[in-house]
Amino acid sequence: MFDLYTAPTPNGWKISIALEELGLPYEVKVLQLQKGDQKSPEYVKLNPNGRIPTLVDHEAGGRAVFESGAILLYLAEKTGKLIPAGADGRWQAIQWLFWQMGGLGPMQGQANVFFRYLPEKIPLAIERYQTETRRLYEVMDARLSQAPYLAGDDYSIADIACFPWVFAHFWAGAPLDGLDHLNDWKARLEQRPAVLKGLGIPPLPDLDSLASAGRDMVT
């Protein structure tokens, strides 16, 4: 039903996790980011931004959907799953999804860049983005002190959007210590078979591979 153009980064893992949770058939199209596959003319026709992931829905005539948050919302609306049915829960899920797309992803992505990838270390920039990433974790922790999941009682696309970034917190040098509710949430999601399987699609052989894909983790 679907082709998933992806690479082993948090944004890619969001979609493989969601597809595994939904039990939908899909074919993985791995892009080698370090080789510039995401900038090829063929791929840019599907995703004009030249980033991963992109989902092609063959059941909808080959419709291509790009931007990981949009893909998660597309899958939730197509299946009627992974998003609460009631208006309050639905808008909680959408708000936290946009929060991840506009806050956690970009800020932690910048922490990755300054902490891991730039040959020149800029302490002020590293501290700024690590501190902001930690603050965003604290925002999540406060929310999770009120409910088991970001949208409330229901596991949703909001949790799937945020989890891969929290899972990769060490890569940004951002600690999770003292965030009991966030750590409990993380541990519960790590017990889900679909989450574990999705984190391995595509496989990440080693941390050097994560480094080679670093530029894509900025957004």
N, C-alpha and C. Protein backbone atom coordinates (compact mmCIF):
# COMPACT_ATOMS: atom_id res chain seq x y z
N MET A 1 0.82 -1.21 0.00
CA MET A 1 0.00 0.00 0.00
C MET A 1 0.85 1.26 0.00
N PHE A 2 1.99 1.22 0.72
CA PHE A 2 2.82 2.42 0.86
C PHE A 2 4.26 2.14 0.48
N ASP A 3 4.94 3.20 0.01
CA ASP A 3 6.40 3.24 -0.05
C ASP A 3 6.84 4.27 0.97
N LEU A 4 7.81 3.89 1.80
CA LEU A 4 8.37 4.81 2.79
C LEU A 4 9.80 5.11 2.43
N TYR A 5 10.06 6.35 2.04
CA TYR A 5 11.41 6.83 1.77
C TYR A 5 11.96 7.37 3.09
N THR A 6 13.04 6.78 3.56
CA THR A 6 13.45 7.07 4.92
C THR A 6 14.95 6.85 5.11
N ALA A 7 15.41 7.14 6.30
CA ALA A 7 16.79 6.93 6.73
C ALA A 7 16.75 6.79 8.24
N PRO A 8 17.83 6.28 8.87
CA PRO A 8 17.81 6.06 10.32
C PRO A 8 18.04 7.34 11.11
N THR A 9 16.99 8.16 11.20
CA THR A 9 16.99 9.37 12.01
C THR A 9 15.67 9.43 12.77
N PRO A 10 15.57 10.28 13.79
CA PRO A 10 14.29 10.38 14.51
C PRO A 10 13.09 10.66 13.62
N ASN A 11 13.25 11.53 12.63
CA ASN A 11 12.11 11.82 11.76
C ASN A 11 11.70 10.61 10.94
N GLY A 12 12.66 9.82 10.52
CA GLY A 12 12.32 8.60 9.80
C GLY A 12 11.68 7.57 10.70
N TRP A 13 12.21 7.43 11.91
CA TRP A 13 11.68 6.43 12.84
C TRP A 13 10.22 6.70 13.22
N LYS A 14 9.84 7.96 13.26
CA LYS A 14 8.43 8.26 13.57
C LYS A 14 7.49 7.47 12.65
N ILE A 15 7.81 7.46 11.37
CA ILE A 15 6.87 6.89 10.40
C ILE A 15 6.94 5.37 10.41
N SER A 16 8.12 4.80 10.52
CA SER A 16 8.19 3.34 10.60
C SER A 16 7.51 2.83 11.86
N ILE A 17 7.63 3.56 12.97
CA ILE A 17 6.92 3.17 14.19
C ILE A 17 5.41 3.23 13.96
N ALA A 18 4.93 4.31 13.37
CA ALA A 18 3.49 4.45 13.14
C ALA A 18 2.97 3.35 12.22
N LEU A 19 3.68 3.06 11.15
CA LEU A 19 3.24 2.01 10.23
C LEU A 19 3.22 0.65 10.92
N GLU A 20 4.20 0.40 11.77
CA GLU A 20 4.21 -0.86 12.50
C GLU A 20 3.07 -0.91 13.52
N GLU A 21 2.81 0.18 14.19
CA GLU A 21 1.69 0.21 15.13
C GLU A 21 0.37 -0.04 14.42
N LEU A 22 0.22 0.47 13.22
CA LEU A 22 -1.02 0.33 12.47
C LEU A 22 -1.11 -0.99 11.71
N GLY A 23 0.01 -1.70 11.61
CA GLY A 23 0.01 -2.96 10.89
C GLY A 23 -0.22 -2.81 9.40
N LEU A 24 0.24 -1.70 8.84
CA LEU A 24 0.02 -1.43 7.41
C LEU A 24 1.19 -1.97 6.58
N PRO A 25 0.90 -2.48 5.40
CA PRO A 25 1.99 -2.96 4.54
C PRO A 25 2.73 -1.81 3.90
N TYR A 26 4.06 -1.90 3.90
CA TYR A 26 4.85 -0.84 3.27
C TYR A 26 6.19 -1.40 2.82
N GLU A 27 6.74 -0.73 1.82
CA GLU A 27 8.06 -1.08 1.32
C GLU A 27 9.02 0.03 1.68
N VAL A 28 10.15 -0.33 2.24
CA VAL A 28 11.13 0.65 2.68
C VAL A 28 12.06 1.01 1.54
N LYS A 29 12.18 2.30 1.28
CA LYS A 29 13.12 2.82 0.30
C LYS A 29 14.17 3.63 1.07
N VAL A 30 15.32 3.03 1.29
CA VAL A 30 16.35 3.67 2.12
C VAL A 30 17.12 4.69 1.29
N LEU A 31 17.20 5.91 1.81
CA LEU A 31 18.00 6.95 1.18
C LEU A 31 19.32 7.09 1.91
N GLN A 32 20.40 7.11 1.16
CA GLN A 32 21.74 7.32 1.73
C GLN A 32 21.98 8.83 1.79
N LEU A 33 21.75 9.39 2.97
CA LEU A 33 21.81 10.84 3.11
C LEU A 33 23.20 11.38 2.85
N GLN A 34 24.21 10.62 3.29
CA GLN A 34 25.58 11.09 3.10
C GLN A 34 25.97 11.13 1.63
N LYS A 35 25.23 10.38 0.79
CA LYS A 35 25.48 10.40 -0.65
C LYS A 35 24.59 11.39 -1.39
N GLY A 36 23.69 12.02 -0.66
CA GLY A 36 22.83 13.03 -1.28
C GLY A 36 21.63 12.48 -2.01
N ASP A 37 21.20 11.24 -1.69
CA ASP A 37 20.04 10.67 -2.37
C ASP A 37 18.80 11.55 -2.23
N GLN A 38 18.69 12.25 -1.10
CA GLN A 38 17.50 13.06 -0.83
C GLN A 38 17.44 14.30 -1.70
N LYS A 39 18.52 14.60 -2.41
CA LYS A 39 18.54 15.77 -3.30
C LYS A 39 18.43 15.36 -4.77
N SER A 40 18.25 14.09 -5.04
CA SER A 40 18.16 13.64 -6.43
C SER A 40 16.89 14.18 -7.07
N PRO A 41 16.92 14.45 -8.38
CA PRO A 41 15.72 14.97 -9.05
C PRO A 41 14.51 14.06 -8.88
N GLU A 42 14.72 12.77 -8.88
CA GLU A 42 13.60 11.83 -8.75
C GLU A 42 12.94 11.98 -7.38
N TYR A 43 13.76 12.13 -6.36
CA TYR A 43 13.18 12.24 -5.03
C TYR A 43 12.56 13.62 -4.79
N VAL A 44 13.17 14.66 -5.31
CA VAL A 44 12.65 16.02 -5.11
C VAL A 44 11.28 16.17 -5.78
N LYS A 45 10.99 15.35 -6.77
CA LYS A 45 9.64 15.36 -7.35
C LYS A 45 8.60 14.91 -6.33
N LEU A 46 9.01 14.03 -5.43
CA LEU A 46 8.11 13.56 -4.37
C LEU A 46 8.10 14.51 -3.18
N ASN A 47 9.27 15.03 -2.85
CA ASN A 47 9.43 15.89 -1.69
C ASN A 47 10.27 17.09 -2.09
N PRO A 48 9.64 18.22 -2.38
CA PRO A 48 10.40 19.37 -2.89
C PRO A 48 11.40 19.93 -1.90
N ASN A 49 11.28 19.57 -0.62
CA ASN A 49 12.22 20.05 0.39
C ASN A 49 13.50 19.22 0.43
N GLY A 50 13.50 18.06 -0.23
CA GLY A 50 14.71 17.25 -0.27
C GLY A 50 15.16 16.72 1.06
N ARG A 51 14.20 16.32 1.90
CA ARG A 51 14.50 15.73 3.21
C ARG A 51 13.72 14.43 3.34
N ILE A 52 14.04 13.66 4.38
CA ILE A 52 13.22 12.49 4.67
C ILE A 52 12.38 12.82 5.90
N PRO A 53 11.24 12.10 6.05
CA PRO A 53 10.73 11.01 5.23
C PRO A 53 9.70 11.50 4.22
N THR A 54 9.36 10.61 3.30
CA THR A 54 8.23 10.80 2.39
C THR A 54 7.46 9.49 2.33
N LEU A 55 6.15 9.59 2.32
CA LEU A 55 5.29 8.41 2.22
C LEU A 55 4.49 8.51 0.93
N VAL A 56 4.51 7.45 0.15
CA VAL A 56 3.71 7.38 -1.08
C VAL A 56 2.58 6.38 -0.86
N ASP A 57 1.36 6.84 -1.02
CA ASP A 57 0.16 6.03 -0.79
C ASP A 57 -0.36 5.55 -2.14
N HIS A 58 -0.09 4.29 -2.47
CA HIS A 58 -0.52 3.76 -3.76
C HIS A 58 -2.02 3.54 -3.81
N GLU A 59 -2.64 3.36 -2.67
CA GLU A 59 -4.10 3.21 -2.63
C GLU A 59 -4.79 4.52 -3.00
N ALA A 60 -4.07 5.64 -2.86
CA ALA A 60 -4.61 6.95 -3.20
C ALA A 60 -4.01 7.47 -4.50
N GLY A 61 -3.69 6.57 -5.41
CA GLY A 61 -3.19 6.98 -6.72
C GLY A 61 -1.76 7.46 -6.71
N GLY A 62 -0.98 7.02 -5.75
CA GLY A 62 0.41 7.44 -5.69
C GLY A 62 0.62 8.78 -5.03
N ARG A 63 -0.30 9.17 -4.16
CA ARG A 63 -0.16 10.45 -3.46
C ARG A 63 1.10 10.43 -2.60
N ALA A 64 1.94 11.46 -2.73
CA ALA A 64 3.15 11.59 -1.93
C ALA A 64 2.90 12.60 -0.81
N VAL A 65 3.21 12.22 0.41
CA VAL A 65 3.06 13.09 1.57
C VAL A 65 4.42 13.26 2.21
N PHE A 66 4.86 14.50 2.39
CA PHE A 66 6.14 14.75 3.03
C PHE A 66 5.93 15.56 4.30
N GLU A 67 6.98 15.69 5.10
CA GLU A 67 7.00 16.24 6.45
C GLU A 67 6.43 15.21 7.41
N SER A 68 7.26 14.82 8.38
CA SER A 68 6.91 13.70 9.25
C SER A 68 5.62 13.95 10.04
N GLY A 69 5.41 15.17 10.50
CA GLY A 69 4.17 15.46 11.23
C GLY A 69 2.95 15.32 10.34
N ALA A 70 3.05 15.80 9.11
CA ALA A 70 1.93 15.67 8.18
C ALA A 70 1.66 14.20 7.86
N ILE A 71 2.72 13.41 7.74
CA ILE A 71 2.54 11.99 7.45
C ILE A 71 1.83 11.30 8.61
N LEU A 72 2.23 11.60 9.85
CA LEU A 72 1.56 11.01 11.00
C LEU A 72 0.08 11.37 11.03
N LEU A 73 -0.23 12.61 10.78
CA LEU A 73 -1.63 13.04 10.77
C LEU A 73 -2.38 12.38 9.62
N TYR A 74 -1.73 12.25 8.48
CA TYR A 74 -2.35 11.58 7.32
C TYR A 74 -2.71 10.14 7.66
N LEU A 75 -1.78 9.42 8.28
CA LEU A 75 -2.03 8.02 8.62
C LEU A 75 -3.13 7.90 9.67
N ALA A 76 -3.13 8.81 10.64
CA ALA A 76 -4.17 8.78 11.67
C ALA A 76 -5.55 9.02 11.07
N GLU A 77 -5.64 9.99 10.17
CA GLU A 77 -6.94 10.30 9.57
C GLU A 77 -7.37 9.21 8.59
N LYS A 78 -6.42 8.60 7.90
CA LYS A 78 -6.76 7.55 6.93
C LYS A 78 -7.30 6.31 7.63
N THR A 79 -6.73 5.99 8.80
CA THR A 79 -7.09 4.76 9.49
C THR A 79 -8.08 4.95 10.63
N GLY A 80 -8.20 6.19 11.12
CA GLY A 80 -9.02 6.43 12.29
C GLY A 80 -8.39 5.90 13.57
N LYS A 81 -7.09 5.73 13.56
CA LYS A 81 -6.37 5.18 14.71
C LYS A 81 -5.23 6.12 15.10
N LEU A 82 -4.73 5.91 16.30
CA LEU A 82 -3.60 6.67 16.85
C LEU A 82 -3.91 8.15 17.03
N ILE A 83 -5.20 8.46 17.11
CA ILE A 83 -5.60 9.81 17.46
C ILE A 83 -6.94 9.69 18.18
N PRO A 84 -7.12 10.36 19.31
CA PRO A 84 -8.38 10.22 20.05
C PRO A 84 -9.59 10.64 19.21
N ALA A 85 -10.70 9.98 19.46
CA ALA A 85 -11.93 10.29 18.71
C ALA A 85 -12.58 11.56 19.21
N GLY A 86 -12.51 11.83 20.50
CA GLY A 86 -13.13 13.03 21.04
C GLY A 86 -12.36 14.28 20.70
N ALA A 87 -13.06 15.40 20.64
CA ALA A 87 -12.44 16.66 20.22
C ALA A 87 -11.32 17.08 21.16
N ASP A 88 -11.53 16.93 22.47
CA ASP A 88 -10.50 17.37 23.42
C ASP A 88 -9.21 16.57 23.23
N GLY A 89 -9.32 15.26 23.16
CA GLY A 89 -8.13 14.43 22.98
C GLY A 89 -7.49 14.62 21.63
N ARG A 90 -8.33 14.78 20.61
CA ARG A 90 -7.81 14.99 19.25
C ARG A 90 -6.96 16.24 19.19
N TRP A 91 -7.44 17.33 19.79
CA TRP A 91 -6.69 18.57 19.73
C TRP A 91 -5.49 18.56 20.65
N GLN A 92 -5.55 17.78 21.72
CA GLN A 92 -4.33 17.59 22.51
C GLN A 92 -3.26 16.92 21.67
N ALA A 93 -3.65 15.87 20.94
CA ALA A 93 -2.68 15.16 20.10
C ALA A 93 -2.11 16.07 19.02
N ILE A 94 -2.96 16.86 18.38
CA ILE A 94 -2.49 17.75 17.31
C ILE A 94 -1.57 18.84 17.88
N GLN A 95 -1.94 19.39 19.03
CA GLN A 95 -1.10 20.42 19.64
C GLN A 95 0.29 19.88 19.96
N TRP A 96 0.36 18.70 20.57
CA TRP A 96 1.66 18.14 20.94
C TRP A 96 2.44 17.69 19.71
N LEU A 97 1.74 17.28 18.67
CA LEU A 97 2.42 16.97 17.41
C LEU A 97 3.09 18.22 16.85
N PHE A 98 2.37 19.32 16.81
CA PHE A 98 2.94 20.57 16.29
C PHE A 98 4.04 21.09 17.23
N TRP A 99 3.87 20.87 18.52
CA TRP A 99 4.90 21.25 19.49
C TRP A 99 6.22 20.53 19.17
N GLN A 100 6.13 19.26 18.87
CA GLN A 100 7.34 18.52 18.51
C GLN A 100 7.94 19.05 17.22
N MET A 101 7.11 19.26 16.23
CA MET A 101 7.61 19.71 14.93
C MET A 101 8.23 21.11 15.01
N GLY A 102 7.65 21.98 15.83
CA GLY A 102 8.14 23.35 15.90
C GLY A 102 9.15 23.61 16.99
N GLY A 103 9.23 22.70 17.98
CA GLY A 103 10.09 22.95 19.12
C GLY A 103 11.12 21.86 19.35
N LEU A 104 10.67 20.71 19.82
CA LEU A 104 11.60 19.67 20.23
C LEU A 104 12.52 19.23 19.10
N GLY A 105 11.97 18.96 17.92
CA GLY A 105 12.80 18.51 16.81
C GLY A 105 13.85 19.54 16.40
N PRO A 106 13.43 20.76 16.08
CA PRO A 106 14.43 21.76 15.68
C PRO A 106 15.46 22.09 16.75
N MET A 107 15.04 22.21 18.00
CA MET A 107 15.99 22.58 19.05
C MET A 107 16.96 21.44 19.34
N GLN A 108 16.45 20.21 19.45
CA GLN A 108 17.36 19.09 19.69
C GLN A 108 18.21 18.84 18.46
N GLY A 109 17.66 19.08 17.29
CA GLY A 109 18.46 18.95 16.07
C GLY A 109 19.64 19.91 16.06
N GLN A 110 19.41 21.14 16.49
CA GLN A 110 20.50 22.10 16.57
C GLN A 110 21.52 21.70 17.64
N ALA A 111 21.03 21.14 18.76
CA ALA A 111 21.96 20.62 19.76
C ALA A 111 22.83 19.53 19.17
N ASN A 112 22.22 18.65 18.37
CA ASN A 112 23.00 17.61 17.69
C ASN A 112 24.11 18.22 16.84
N VAL A 113 23.74 19.21 16.05
CA VAL A 113 24.70 19.80 15.11
C VAL A 113 25.87 20.43 15.85
N PHE A 114 25.58 21.27 16.84
CA PHE A 114 26.66 21.99 17.52
C PHE A 114 27.46 21.07 18.45
N PHE A 115 26.80 20.06 19.01
CA PHE A 115 27.46 19.17 19.96
C PHE A 115 28.25 18.07 19.25
N ARG A 116 27.74 17.61 18.10
CA ARG A 116 28.31 16.43 17.46
C ARG A 116 29.04 16.69 16.14
N TYR A 117 28.51 17.57 15.32
CA TYR A 117 28.93 17.56 13.92
C TYR A 117 29.88 18.67 13.51
N LEU A 118 29.72 19.86 14.05
CA LEU A 118 30.58 20.96 13.60
C LEU A 118 32.02 20.72 14.06
N PRO A 119 32.98 20.91 13.17
CA PRO A 119 34.39 20.70 13.57
C PRO A 119 34.84 21.72 14.61
N GLU A 120 34.28 22.92 14.56
CA GLU A 120 34.60 23.94 15.57
C GLU A 120 33.55 23.91 16.66
N LYS A 121 33.94 23.66 17.88
CA LYS A 121 33.01 23.64 19.00
C LYS A 121 32.76 25.06 19.50
N ILE A 122 31.49 25.42 19.57
CA ILE A 122 31.10 26.75 20.02
C ILE A 122 30.33 26.57 21.33
N PRO A 123 31.00 26.74 22.46
CA PRO A 123 30.37 26.41 23.75
C PRO A 123 29.05 27.13 23.99
N LEU A 124 28.96 28.41 23.61
CA LEU A 124 27.73 29.16 23.85
C LEU A 124 26.56 28.54 23.08
N ALA A 125 26.81 28.13 21.84
CA ALA A 125 25.75 27.53 21.04
C ALA A 125 25.37 26.15 21.58
N ILE A 126 26.37 25.37 21.96
CA ILE A 126 26.09 24.05 22.53
C ILE A 126 25.23 24.19 23.79
N GLU A 127 25.64 25.09 24.69
CA GLU A 127 24.88 25.28 25.93
C GLU A 127 23.47 25.77 25.65
N ARG A 128 23.34 26.69 24.69
CA ARG A 128 22.03 27.27 24.39
C ARG A 128 21.05 26.19 23.93
N TYR A 129 21.46 25.31 23.02
CA TYR A 129 20.54 24.33 22.47
C TYR A 129 20.35 23.13 23.39
N GLN A 130 21.38 22.75 24.12
CA GLN A 130 21.19 21.69 25.11
C GLN A 130 20.25 22.15 26.23
N THR A 131 20.41 23.39 26.66
CA THR A 131 19.54 23.93 27.71
C THR A 131 18.10 24.01 27.24
N GLU A 132 17.89 24.43 26.01
CA GLU A 132 16.53 24.51 25.48
C GLU A 132 15.92 23.13 25.29
N THR A 133 16.73 22.17 24.85
CA THR A 133 16.23 20.80 24.73
C THR A 133 15.81 20.27 26.09
N ARG A 134 16.64 20.49 27.09
CA ARG A 134 16.29 20.06 28.45
C ARG A 134 15.01 20.75 28.92
N ARG A 135 14.85 22.03 28.63
CA ARG A 135 13.62 22.73 29.03
C ARG A 135 12.40 22.09 28.39
N LEU A 136 12.52 21.71 27.12
CA LEU A 136 11.41 21.07 26.43
C LEU A 136 11.10 19.70 27.03
N TYR A 137 12.13 18.98 27.43
CA TYR A 137 11.90 17.72 28.15
C TYR A 137 11.11 17.98 29.44
N GLU A 138 11.43 19.07 30.11
CA GLU A 138 10.73 19.39 31.34
C GLU A 138 9.26 19.73 31.07
N VAL A 139 8.99 20.36 29.93
CA VAL A 139 7.61 20.63 29.53
C VAL A 139 6.86 19.30 29.34
N MET A 140 7.50 18.35 28.66
CA MET A 140 6.90 17.03 28.50
C MET A 140 6.67 16.35 29.84
N ASP A 141 7.65 16.44 30.71
CA ASP A 141 7.55 15.80 32.02
C ASP A 141 6.36 16.35 32.80
N ALA A 142 6.17 17.66 32.73
CA ALA A 142 5.03 18.27 33.43
C ALA A 142 3.71 17.77 32.85
N ARG A 143 3.63 17.68 31.54
CA ARG A 143 2.41 17.17 30.92
C ARG A 143 2.16 15.72 31.33
N LEU A 144 3.21 14.91 31.34
CA LEU A 144 3.07 13.50 31.65
C LEU A 144 2.84 13.25 33.14
N SER A 145 2.99 14.27 33.96
CA SER A 145 2.59 14.15 35.37
C SER A 145 1.08 14.23 35.51
N GLN A 146 0.41 14.70 34.45
CA GLN A 146 -1.05 14.87 34.47
C GLN A 146 -1.79 13.75 33.75
N ALA A 147 -1.10 13.04 32.87
CA ALA A 147 -1.76 12.02 32.04
C ALA A 147 -0.71 11.01 31.61
N PRO A 148 -1.11 9.77 31.29
CA PRO A 148 -0.13 8.76 30.91
C PRO A 148 0.49 9.00 29.54
N TYR A 149 -0.22 9.72 28.68
CA TYR A 149 0.28 10.01 27.34
C TYR A 149 0.06 11.49 27.03
N LEU A 150 0.70 11.97 26.00
CA LEU A 150 0.65 13.41 25.72
C LEU A 150 -0.76 13.89 25.39
N ALA A 151 -1.57 13.04 24.74
CA ALA A 151 -2.93 13.44 24.40
C ALA A 151 -3.92 13.11 25.51
N GLY A 152 -3.46 12.52 26.60
CA GLY A 152 -4.35 12.14 27.69
C GLY A 152 -4.22 10.66 28.00
N ASP A 153 -5.34 9.97 27.97
CA ASP A 153 -5.35 8.54 28.28
C ASP A 153 -4.94 7.68 27.10
N ASP A 154 -4.92 8.26 25.90
CA ASP A 154 -4.71 7.48 24.69
C ASP A 154 -3.32 7.69 24.10
N TYR A 155 -2.64 6.60 23.83
CA TYR A 155 -1.39 6.61 23.05
C TYR A 155 -1.71 7.10 21.65
N SER A 156 -0.89 8.01 21.12
CA SER A 156 -1.27 8.66 19.86
C SER A 156 -0.04 9.05 19.04
N ILE A 157 -0.33 9.66 17.90
CA ILE A 157 0.73 10.17 17.03
C ILE A 157 1.60 11.21 17.74
N ALA A 158 1.07 11.86 18.77
CA ALA A 158 1.89 12.82 19.52
C ALA A 158 3.03 12.10 20.23
N ASP A 159 2.73 10.97 20.84
CA ASP A 159 3.77 10.19 21.51
C ASP A 159 4.78 9.65 20.50
N ILE A 160 4.27 9.18 19.36
CA ILE A 160 5.15 8.63 18.33
C ILE A 160 6.07 9.72 17.78
N ALA A 161 5.56 10.94 17.64
CA ALA A 161 6.39 12.03 17.13
C ALA A 161 7.52 12.37 18.08
N CYS A 162 7.23 12.37 19.38
CA CYS A 162 8.22 12.81 20.36
C CYS A 162 9.19 11.71 20.76
N PHE A 163 8.74 10.47 20.76
CA PHE A 163 9.55 9.40 21.32
C PHE A 163 10.94 9.27 20.69
N PRO A 164 11.08 9.24 19.35
CA PRO A 164 12.44 9.04 18.81
C PRO A 164 13.42 10.12 19.22
N TRP A 165 12.94 11.33 19.42
CA TRP A 165 13.84 12.40 19.86
C TRP A 165 14.26 12.19 21.30
N VAL A 166 13.32 11.83 22.15
CA VAL A 166 13.67 11.55 23.55
C VAL A 166 14.58 10.33 23.62
N PHE A 167 14.30 9.33 22.82
CA PHE A 167 15.12 8.12 22.78
C PHE A 167 16.57 8.47 22.44
N ALA A 168 16.77 9.45 21.56
CA ALA A 168 18.12 9.84 21.11
C ALA A 168 18.68 11.02 21.91
N HIS A 169 18.20 11.21 23.13
CA HIS A 169 18.61 12.37 23.92
C HIS A 169 20.12 12.41 24.12
N PHE A 170 20.74 11.25 24.29
CA PHE A 170 22.18 11.19 24.56
C PHE A 170 23.00 11.77 23.42
N TRP A 171 22.46 11.66 22.19
CA TRP A 171 23.21 12.14 21.03
C TRP A 171 23.33 13.66 21.04
N ALA A 172 22.35 14.30 21.66
CA ALA A 172 22.39 15.76 21.79
C ALA A 172 23.07 16.20 23.08
N GLY A 173 23.44 15.24 23.93
CA GLY A 173 24.04 15.60 25.21
C GLY A 173 23.06 16.23 26.17
N ALA A 174 21.77 15.89 26.01
CA ALA A 174 20.73 16.47 26.86
C ALA A 174 20.26 15.41 27.85
N PRO A 175 20.39 15.65 29.15
CA PRO A 175 20.09 14.62 30.15
C PRO A 175 18.59 14.48 30.42
N LEU A 176 18.22 13.28 30.90
CA LEU A 176 16.85 13.00 31.32
C LEU A 176 16.74 12.81 32.83
N ASP A 177 17.84 13.01 33.55
CA ASP A 177 17.83 12.75 34.97
C ASP A 177 16.84 13.67 35.69
N GLY A 178 16.14 13.08 36.67
CA GLY A 178 15.19 13.85 37.47
C GLY A 178 13.83 14.02 36.83
N LEU A 179 13.66 13.54 35.60
CA LEU A 179 12.38 13.68 34.90
C LEU A 179 11.63 12.35 35.00
N ASP A 180 11.06 12.10 36.16
CA ASP A 180 10.51 10.78 36.45
C ASP A 180 9.35 10.41 35.53
N HIS A 181 8.48 11.35 35.25
CA HIS A 181 7.31 11.05 34.42
C HIS A 181 7.73 10.81 32.97
N LEU A 182 8.68 11.59 32.50
CA LEU A 182 9.18 11.40 31.14
C LEU A 182 9.90 10.06 31.01
N ASN A 183 10.69 9.72 31.99
CA ASN A 183 11.41 8.45 31.96
C ASN A 183 10.46 7.26 32.04
N ASP A 184 9.40 7.38 32.82
CA ASP A 184 8.41 6.31 32.88
C ASP A 184 7.73 6.14 31.53
N TRP A 185 7.34 7.25 30.91
CA TRP A 185 6.73 7.22 29.57
C TRP A 185 7.67 6.59 28.56
N LYS A 186 8.92 6.99 28.58
CA LYS A 186 9.91 6.43 27.67
C LYS A 186 10.04 4.92 27.86
N ALA A 187 10.11 4.49 29.11
CA ALA A 187 10.25 3.06 29.38
C ALA A 187 9.03 2.27 28.91
N ARG A 188 7.84 2.84 29.08
CA ARG A 188 6.63 2.14 28.62
C ARG A 188 6.60 2.02 27.10
N LEU A 189 7.01 3.08 26.41
CA LEU A 189 7.01 3.00 24.94
C LEU A 189 8.06 2.03 24.43
N GLU A 190 9.17 1.93 25.15
CA GLU A 190 10.22 1.00 24.75
C GLU A 190 9.80 -0.46 24.90
N GLN A 191 8.70 -0.70 25.59
CA GLN A 191 8.18 -2.06 25.73
C GLN A 191 7.21 -2.43 24.61
N ARG A 192 6.86 -1.48 23.78
CA ARG A 192 5.91 -1.76 22.70
C ARG A 192 6.65 -2.42 21.53
N PRO A 193 6.20 -3.60 21.09
CA PRO A 193 6.89 -4.29 19.99
C PRO A 193 6.99 -3.46 18.73
N ALA A 194 5.94 -2.70 18.39
CA ALA A 194 5.97 -1.91 17.16
C ALA A 194 7.00 -0.78 17.25
N VAL A 195 7.18 -0.23 18.45
CA VAL A 195 8.18 0.83 18.64
C VAL A 195 9.57 0.25 18.43
N LEU A 196 9.83 -0.90 19.05
CA LEU A 196 11.14 -1.51 18.91
C LEU A 196 11.42 -1.89 17.47
N LYS A 197 10.42 -2.42 16.77
CA LYS A 197 10.63 -2.79 15.37
C LYS A 197 10.85 -1.54 14.52
N GLY A 198 10.04 -0.51 14.76
CA GLY A 198 10.17 0.72 13.97
C GLY A 198 11.51 1.40 14.13
N LEU A 199 12.10 1.29 15.33
CA LEU A 199 13.42 1.89 15.56
C LEU A 199 14.51 1.20 14.75
N GLY A 200 14.23 -0.01 14.26
CA GLY A 200 15.22 -0.73 13.45
C GLY A 200 14.99 -0.62 11.97
N ILE A 201 14.10 0.29 11.54
CA ILE A 201 13.78 0.43 10.12
C ILE A 201 14.08 1.86 9.70
N PRO A 202 15.08 2.03 8.84
CA PRO A 202 16.07 1.03 8.44
C PRO A 202 17.09 0.81 9.55
N PRO A 203 17.86 -0.26 9.47
CA PRO A 203 18.81 -0.55 10.55
C PRO A 203 19.86 0.55 10.69
N LEU A 204 20.27 0.77 11.91
CA LEU A 204 21.35 1.71 12.22
C LEU A 204 22.55 0.89 12.67
N PRO A 205 23.52 0.67 11.79
CA PRO A 205 24.62 -0.23 12.15
C PRO A 205 25.44 0.23 13.34
N ASP A 206 25.69 1.53 13.43
CA ASP A 206 26.52 2.04 14.52
C ASP A 206 26.33 3.54 14.62
N LEU A 207 26.94 4.15 15.63
CA LEU A 207 26.77 5.58 15.85
C LEU A 207 27.42 6.41 14.75
N ASP A 208 28.42 5.86 14.06
CA ASP A 208 29.01 6.59 12.95
C ASP A 208 27.98 6.83 11.86
N SER A 209 27.09 5.87 11.68
CA SER A 209 26.03 6.04 10.69
C SER A 209 25.09 7.16 11.09
N LEU A 210 24.81 7.26 12.39
CA LEU A 210 23.99 8.36 12.86
C LEU A 210 24.67 9.69 12.60
N ALA A 211 25.96 9.74 12.78
CA ALA A 211 26.70 10.97 12.54
C ALA A 211 26.63 11.36 11.06
N SER A 212 26.72 10.38 10.17
CA SER A 212 26.69 10.69 8.75
C SER A 212 25.35 11.23 8.31
N ALA A 213 24.30 10.91 9.09
CA ALA A 213 22.97 11.38 8.76
C ALA A 213 22.62 12.65 9.52
N GLY A 214 23.57 13.25 10.17
CA GLY A 214 23.30 14.32 11.11
C GLY A 214 22.59 15.54 10.56
N ARG A 215 22.89 15.92 9.35
CA ARG A 215 22.27 17.13 8.84
C ARG A 215 20.76 16.98 8.74
N ASP A 216 20.28 15.76 8.48
CA ASP A 216 18.84 15.57 8.35
C ASP A 216 18.14 15.67 9.70
N MET A 217 18.87 15.57 10.79
CA MET A 217 18.26 15.61 12.11
C MET A 217 18.01 17.03 12.57
N VAL A 218 18.37 18.01 11.77
CA VAL A 218 18.15 19.41 12.16
C VAL A 218 16.68 19.75 12.15
N THR A 219 15.88 19.10 11.27
CA THR A 219 14.47 19.44 11.16
C THR A 219 13.62 18.23 11.43
